[in-house]
N, C-alpha and C. Protein backbone atom coordinates (compact mmCIF):
# COMPACT_ATOMS: atom_id res chain seq x y z
N MET A 1 -10.67 6.37 9.32
CA MET A 1 -10.48 7.18 8.64
C MET A 1 -9.77 8.52 9.54
N ASP A 2 -8.60 8.75 9.15
CA ASP A 2 -7.88 10.11 9.21
C ASP A 2 -8.81 11.71 9.01
N TRP A 3 -9.68 12.23 10.14
CA TRP A 3 -9.92 13.41 9.62
C TRP A 3 -9.12 14.72 9.77
N LYS A 4 -7.86 14.95 10.29
CA LYS A 4 -6.96 15.70 10.45
C LYS A 4 -6.41 15.75 8.53
N LEU A 5 -6.16 14.39 8.12
CA LEU A 5 -5.92 14.52 7.12
C LEU A 5 -6.89 15.04 5.79
N LEU A 6 -7.65 14.57 6.28
CA LEU A 6 -9.40 14.47 4.94
C LEU A 6 -9.33 15.97 4.90
N ALA A 7 -9.07 16.76 6.42
CA ALA A 7 -9.04 18.27 6.67
C ALA A 7 -8.21 18.95 5.63
N THR A 8 -6.77 18.06 5.67
CA THR A 8 -5.99 18.81 5.48
C THR A 8 -5.85 18.68 3.60
N THR A 9 -5.95 17.97 2.86
CA THR A 9 -6.39 17.48 2.04
C THR A 9 -7.62 18.44 1.04
N PHE A 10 -8.77 18.33 1.62
CA PHE A 10 -9.66 19.10 0.93
C PHE A 10 -9.38 20.53 1.10
N GLY A 11 -8.61 21.11 2.42
CA GLY A 11 -8.04 22.87 2.24
C GLY A 11 -7.64 22.56 1.21
N ALA A 12 -6.49 22.19 0.79
CA ALA A 12 -5.22 22.59 0.06
C ALA A 12 -5.73 22.64 -1.40
N VAL A 13 -6.92 21.11 -1.24
CA VAL A 13 -7.31 21.51 -3.22
C VAL A 13 -8.08 22.13 -3.16
N PHE A 14 -9.30 23.03 -2.25
CA PHE A 14 -10.15 23.65 -2.72
C PHE A 14 -9.46 25.12 -2.62
N ILE A 15 -8.12 25.39 -1.75
CA ILE A 15 -7.29 26.54 -1.80
C ILE A 15 -6.96 26.73 -3.60
N ALA A 16 -6.35 25.42 -3.88
CA ALA A 16 -5.61 25.49 -4.97
C ALA A 16 -6.50 25.22 -6.42
N GLU A 17 -7.87 25.37 -5.93
CA GLU A 17 -9.02 25.26 -7.25
C GLU A 17 -9.49 26.72 -7.05
N LEU A 18 -9.43 27.63 -6.46
CA LEU A 18 -10.43 28.43 -6.35
C LEU A 18 -9.14 29.61 -7.41
N GLY A 19 -10.46 29.95 -8.27
CA GLY A 19 -9.62 30.80 -9.23
C GLY A 19 -8.77 30.36 -9.94
N ASP A 20 -8.39 29.00 -10.48
CA ASP A 20 -7.68 28.59 -11.69
C ASP A 20 -8.54 27.96 -12.51
N LYS A 21 -7.62 28.10 -13.44
CA LYS A 21 -8.18 27.93 -15.14
C LYS A 21 -9.43 26.65 -15.14
N THR A 22 -9.84 25.79 -14.38
CA THR A 22 -10.68 24.93 -14.29
C THR A 22 -11.56 25.62 -13.92
N GLN A 23 -11.71 26.09 -12.70
CA GLN A 23 -12.93 26.62 -12.45
C GLN A 23 -13.07 28.29 -12.98
N LEU A 24 -12.68 29.16 -13.87
CA LEU A 24 -12.56 29.67 -14.98
C LEU A 24 -13.61 29.36 -16.21
N ALA A 25 -13.33 28.23 -16.46
CA ALA A 25 -13.83 27.73 -17.77
C ALA A 25 -15.42 26.57 -17.38
N THR A 26 -15.38 26.12 -15.94
CA THR A 26 -16.46 26.36 -15.67
C THR A 26 -17.72 27.39 -15.54
N LEU A 27 -16.99 28.16 -14.70
CA LEU A 27 -17.65 29.58 -14.76
C LEU A 27 -18.79 29.95 -15.84
N SER A 28 -17.36 29.82 -17.24
CA SER A 28 -17.95 30.80 -18.44
C SER A 28 -19.32 29.26 -18.96
N MET A 29 -19.13 28.21 -18.73
CA MET A 29 -19.84 27.20 -19.32
C MET A 29 -21.28 26.68 -18.43
N SER A 30 -21.31 27.91 -17.06
CA SER A 30 -22.44 27.62 -16.61
C SER A 30 -23.27 29.03 -16.42
N SER A 31 -22.48 30.22 -17.26
CA SER A 31 -23.40 31.57 -17.64
C SER A 31 -24.31 31.14 -18.74
N GLY A 32 -24.98 31.91 -18.55
CA GLY A 32 -26.19 32.38 -19.64
C GLY A 32 -27.34 30.84 -19.88
N GLN A 33 -27.96 30.61 -20.69
CA GLN A 33 -28.54 29.91 -20.74
C GLN A 33 -28.48 28.17 -20.38
N VAL A 34 -28.12 27.91 -19.70
CA VAL A 34 -27.25 26.36 -20.10
C VAL A 34 -27.63 26.32 -18.54
N ASN A 35 -28.17 24.11 -18.46
CA ASN A 35 -27.98 23.32 -17.65
C ASN A 35 -27.51 23.32 -16.26
N ARG A 36 -27.08 24.21 -15.64
CA ARG A 36 -26.34 24.15 -14.76
C ARG A 36 -25.99 23.46 -13.74
N LEU A 37 -26.83 22.38 -13.63
CA LEU A 37 -26.39 21.17 -13.28
C LEU A 37 -25.47 20.31 -13.95
N SER A 38 -26.09 19.99 -14.86
CA SER A 38 -25.57 19.02 -15.83
C SER A 38 -23.91 19.76 -16.07
N VAL A 39 -23.47 21.15 -15.80
CA VAL A 39 -21.86 21.60 -15.64
C VAL A 39 -21.41 21.11 -14.35
N PHE A 40 -22.09 21.78 -12.97
CA PHE A 40 -21.79 21.10 -11.92
C PHE A 40 -21.66 19.39 -11.86
N LEU A 41 -22.42 19.04 -12.16
CA LEU A 41 -21.88 17.26 -12.23
C LEU A 41 -20.95 16.88 -13.13
N GLY A 42 -20.97 17.42 -14.46
CA GLY A 42 -19.68 16.97 -15.14
C GLY A 42 -18.72 17.72 -14.70
N SER A 43 -18.52 19.09 -14.27
CA SER A 43 -16.97 19.27 -14.10
C SER A 43 -16.49 18.59 -11.95
N ALA A 44 -17.72 18.33 -11.24
CA ALA A 44 -17.04 17.40 -10.10
C ALA A 44 -16.93 16.16 -9.99
N SER A 45 -17.52 15.44 -11.15
CA SER A 45 -16.94 14.21 -11.90
C SER A 45 -15.63 14.06 -12.15
N ALA A 46 -15.43 15.07 -13.20
CA ALA A 46 -14.28 15.49 -13.71
C ALA A 46 -13.02 15.64 -12.31
N LEU A 47 -13.43 16.10 -11.66
CA LEU A 47 -12.08 16.50 -10.26
C LEU A 47 -11.97 15.20 -9.74
N VAL A 48 -13.08 14.54 -9.59
CA VAL A 48 -12.65 13.68 -8.62
C VAL A 48 -12.48 12.64 -9.85
N CYS A 49 -12.32 12.39 -11.20
CA CYS A 49 -11.85 11.63 -11.69
C CYS A 49 -10.21 11.17 -12.01
N THR A 50 -10.10 12.89 -11.92
CA THR A 50 -8.55 12.93 -11.59
C THR A 50 -8.02 12.77 -10.54
N SER A 51 -8.60 12.98 -9.70
CA SER A 51 -8.27 12.97 -7.97
C SER A 51 -7.80 11.21 -7.97
N LEU A 52 -8.85 10.73 -8.17
CA LEU A 52 -8.72 8.94 -8.03
C LEU A 52 -7.45 8.69 -8.90
N LEU A 53 -7.19 9.25 -10.00
CA LEU A 53 -5.91 9.02 -10.73
C LEU A 53 -4.83 9.44 -10.03
N ALA A 54 -4.36 10.68 -9.67
CA ALA A 54 -3.86 10.99 -8.72
C ALA A 54 -3.47 9.96 -7.50
N VAL A 55 -4.87 9.80 -6.88
CA VAL A 55 -4.40 8.62 -5.80
C VAL A 55 -4.20 7.47 -6.01
N LEU A 56 -4.32 6.76 -7.28
CA LEU A 56 -3.82 5.84 -7.37
C LEU A 56 -2.88 5.42 -8.52
N ALA A 57 -2.09 6.72 -8.45
CA ALA A 57 -0.64 7.09 -8.86
C ALA A 57 0.09 7.09 -7.72
N GLY A 58 -0.17 7.84 -7.13
CA GLY A 58 0.68 8.15 -5.99
C GLY A 58 1.08 6.87 -5.15
N GLY A 59 -0.32 6.03 -4.54
CA GLY A 59 -0.14 4.64 -4.15
C GLY A 59 0.82 3.97 -4.77
N LEU A 60 0.80 3.52 -6.38
CA LEU A 60 2.00 3.12 -7.42
C LEU A 60 3.32 3.64 -7.02
N ILE A 61 3.01 4.82 -7.24
CA ILE A 61 4.74 5.20 -7.14
C ILE A 61 5.41 5.21 -5.94
N THR A 62 4.58 4.80 -5.08
CA THR A 62 5.18 4.89 -3.68
C THR A 62 6.02 3.65 -3.20
N ARG A 63 5.15 2.94 -4.17
CA ARG A 63 5.93 1.46 -3.85
C ARG A 63 7.35 1.23 -4.28
N TYR A 64 7.96 1.94 -5.30
CA TYR A 64 8.99 2.23 -5.31
C TYR A 64 10.12 3.71 -5.31
N VAL A 65 9.29 4.68 -5.04
CA VAL A 65 10.01 5.90 -4.27
C VAL A 65 9.56 5.99 -3.29
N PRO A 66 10.03 6.62 -2.44
CA PRO A 66 9.66 6.92 -0.47
C PRO A 66 9.29 8.37 -0.82
N PRO A 67 8.17 8.18 -0.22
CA PRO A 67 7.31 9.61 -0.31
C PRO A 67 7.94 10.78 0.12
N GLN A 68 9.02 10.41 0.86
CA GLN A 68 10.03 12.16 0.91
C GLN A 68 10.45 12.62 -0.42
N TYR A 69 11.24 11.77 -1.14
CA TYR A 69 11.94 12.18 -2.46
C TYR A 69 10.46 12.57 -3.54
N LEU A 70 9.00 12.13 -3.17
CA LEU A 70 7.73 12.36 -4.09
C LEU A 70 7.61 13.64 -3.40
N ARG A 71 7.65 14.55 -2.01
CA ARG A 71 7.24 15.63 -1.40
C ARG A 71 8.78 16.12 -2.27
N ARG A 72 9.69 15.87 -2.11
CA ARG A 72 10.78 16.95 -2.88
C ARG A 72 10.94 17.21 -3.91
N GLY A 73 10.78 16.45 -4.99
CA GLY A 73 10.07 15.97 -6.36
C GLY A 73 9.46 17.14 -6.60
N ALA A 74 8.12 17.06 -6.19
CA ALA A 74 7.00 18.01 -5.95
C ALA A 74 7.60 19.18 -6.30
N GLY A 75 7.92 19.73 -4.54
CA GLY A 75 8.24 20.48 -4.02
C GLY A 75 8.93 21.36 -5.14
N ALA A 76 9.85 20.91 -5.77
CA ALA A 76 11.24 21.88 -6.37
C ALA A 76 10.01 21.68 -8.32
N ILE A 77 9.80 20.86 -8.29
CA ILE A 77 8.90 21.26 -9.35
C ILE A 77 7.87 22.47 -9.56
N PHE A 78 7.12 22.65 -8.26
CA PHE A 78 6.39 23.60 -8.16
C PHE A 78 7.16 25.30 -8.50
N ILE A 79 9.02 25.20 -7.44
CA ILE A 79 9.39 26.38 -7.25
C ILE A 79 9.74 26.49 -8.68
N VAL A 80 10.24 25.55 -9.25
CA VAL A 80 10.73 25.45 -10.88
C VAL A 80 9.52 26.49 -11.51
N LEU A 81 8.82 25.92 -11.39
CA LEU A 81 7.53 26.63 -12.69
C LEU A 81 7.21 27.98 -11.72
N GLY A 82 6.80 28.15 -10.74
CA GLY A 82 6.69 29.70 -10.36
C GLY A 82 7.94 30.54 -10.86
N LEU A 83 9.26 29.81 -10.43
CA LEU A 83 10.41 30.90 -11.05
C LEU A 83 9.86 30.77 -12.71
N LEU A 84 9.88 30.08 -13.90
CA LEU A 84 9.56 30.49 -14.78
C LEU A 84 8.00 31.43 -15.10
N TYR A 85 7.45 30.99 -14.60
CA TYR A 85 6.23 31.92 -14.65
C TYR A 85 6.27 33.71 -13.72
N ILE A 86 7.51 33.57 -12.81
CA ILE A 86 7.74 34.52 -12.49
C ILE A 86 8.64 35.61 -13.49
N PHE A 87 9.44 34.85 -14.25
CA PHE A 87 10.44 35.50 -15.38
C PHE A 87 10.38 35.77 -16.64
N ARG A 88 9.17 34.77 -16.75
CA ARG A 88 9.00 34.66 -18.52
C ARG A 88 8.63 35.94 -18.85
N LYS A 89 9.05 36.28 -20.30
CA LYS A 89 8.21 37.36 -20.78
C LYS A 89 7.19 37.23 -21.57
N GLY A 90 6.66 38.11 -21.86
CA GLY A 90 5.33 38.22 -22.28
C GLY A 90 4.09 38.30 -21.30
């Protein structure tokens, strides 16, 4: 097990998920007279499933595309999205 990679991945996902729309949706679902354990298990399972899909897709894609191109492409997409959010009207 690569503990450094595990810690880096945990930190990146944890920070990325703080305050995002998924967390806010989970927060709203758990408010009131709702079974909070069901909300927790549902949201945790969903995050695990989406992470599994990302890991499987990453493994499949890297068979055909070198990892450095994926990192550059992902970085470029984040920059473009960031610029779109900064300069959008409304």
